[in-house]
Protein backbone atom coordinates (compact mmCIF):
# COMPACT_ATOMS: atom_id res chain seq x y z
CA MET A 1 -0.04 0.03 0.10
CA GLU A 2 2.97 2.30 0.74
CA ARG A 3 4.38 1.74 -2.69
CA PHE A 4 1.00 2.76 -4.35
CA ALA A 5 0.89 6.09 -2.23
CA ASP A 6 4.45 6.77 -3.36
CA GLU A 7 3.55 6.28 -7.08
CA LEU A 8 0.58 8.47 -6.51
CA ASP A 9 2.80 11.20 -4.94
CA LEU A 10 5.12 11.00 -7.92
CA THR A 11 2.32 11.33 -10.33
CA GLN A 12 1.00 14.27 -8.43
CA VAL A 13 4.47 15.85 -8.60
CA ARG A 14 4.60 15.32 -12.33
CA ILE A 15 1.25 16.75 -12.97
CA GLU A 16 2.27 19.74 -10.96
CA GLU A 17 5.53 20.02 -12.71
CA LEU A 18 3.75 20.01 -16.04
CA THR A 19 1.14 22.42 -15.06
CA GLN A 20 3.81 24.89 -13.90
CA ARG A 21 6.03 24.51 -17.04
CA THR A 22 2.81 25.08 -19.18
CA ILE A 23 1.77 28.27 -17.16
CA ALA A 24 5.36 29.64 -17.41
CA GLU A 25 5.34 29.10 -21.06
CA ILE A 26 2.00 30.87 -21.53
CA ARG A 27 3.11 33.75 -19.47
CA ARG A 28 6.37 34.05 -21.37
CA LYS A 29 4.58 34.10 -24.72
CA LEU A 30 2.17 36.69 -23.40
CA SER A 31 4.83 38.87 -21.96
CA ASP A 32 6.75 38.71 -25.29
CA GLY A 33 3.47 40.42 -26.73
CA VAL A 34 3.66 37.65 -29.35
CA GLY A 35 0.41 36.18 -30.42
CA ARG A 36 0.71 32.58 -31.41
CA ALA A 37 -0.75 32.04 -34.87
CA ASP A 38 0.65 28.41 -35.29
CA CYS A 39 -0.50 25.41 -33.43
CA GLN A 40 2.22 23.96 -31.06
CA ASP A 41 1.35 20.61 -32.15
CA CYS A 42 0.60 20.35 -35.75
CA GLY A 43 2.21 23.54 -36.85
CA GLY A 44 -0.99 24.52 -38.71
CA GLN A 45 -2.58 27.96 -38.47
CA VAL A 46 -4.77 28.64 -35.49
CA PRO A 47 -7.87 30.28 -37.06
CA SER A 48 -8.56 33.87 -36.01
CA GLU A 49 -12.00 32.96 -34.94
CA ARG A 50 -10.63 30.57 -32.26
CA LEU A 51 -7.99 33.18 -31.22
CA ARG A 52 -10.83 35.83 -30.98
CA HIS A 53 -12.62 33.38 -28.50
CA VAL A 54 -9.61 32.13 -26.68
CA PRO A 55 -6.84 34.66 -27.14
CA ASN A 56 -4.07 32.56 -25.58
CA ALA A 57 -4.80 29.52 -27.54
CA THR A 58 -1.55 27.57 -28.52
CA ARG A 59 -3.42 24.84 -30.45
CA CYS A 60 -5.93 24.59 -33.11
CA ALA A 61 -9.29 23.09 -31.94
CA PRO A 62 -8.65 19.55 -33.15
CA CYS A 63 -5.18 19.36 -31.56
CA GLN A 64 -6.69 20.86 -28.32
CA GLU A 65 -9.32 18.21 -28.33
CA ARG A 66 -6.67 15.61 -28.81
CA HIS A 67 -4.73 17.09 -25.89
CA GLU A 68 -7.56 17.25 -23.60
CA ARG A 69 -8.54 13.59 -24.40
CA GLN A 70 -4.97 12.34 -23.63
CA GLN A 71 -4.91 14.35 -20.44
CA SER A 72 -8.18 12.99 -19.17
CA GLN A 73 -7.06 9.31 -20.11
CA PHE A 74 -3.91 10.04 -18.17
CA GLN A 75 -5.96 11.43 -15.08
CA PHE A 76 -8.40 8.58 -15.33
CA SER A 77 -5.53 5.93 -15.41
CA ALA A 78 -4.11 7.71 -12.31
CA SER A 79 -7.50 7.67 -10.45
CA ALA A 80 -8.27 4.17 -11.70
CA ALA A 81 -5.40 2.83 -9.65
CA PHE A 82 -7.38 3.42 -6.45
């Protein structure tokens, strides 16, 4: 049981580190005053309509949906260990 708790602690640390890196990257881009027009995943253009609704979008809608599905699967697999 202790090993399981240790794995959960490590997973939480990794999630927090990823979150902090993501926040820092977004802040850096915003402070540079550079709006992102290219998707960070596929390199395609982020449509202006999306940027109008989500000004800090770094992914096109399809890539964002894929990213969110992957994140929810990761979180589900971590919670399924309970």
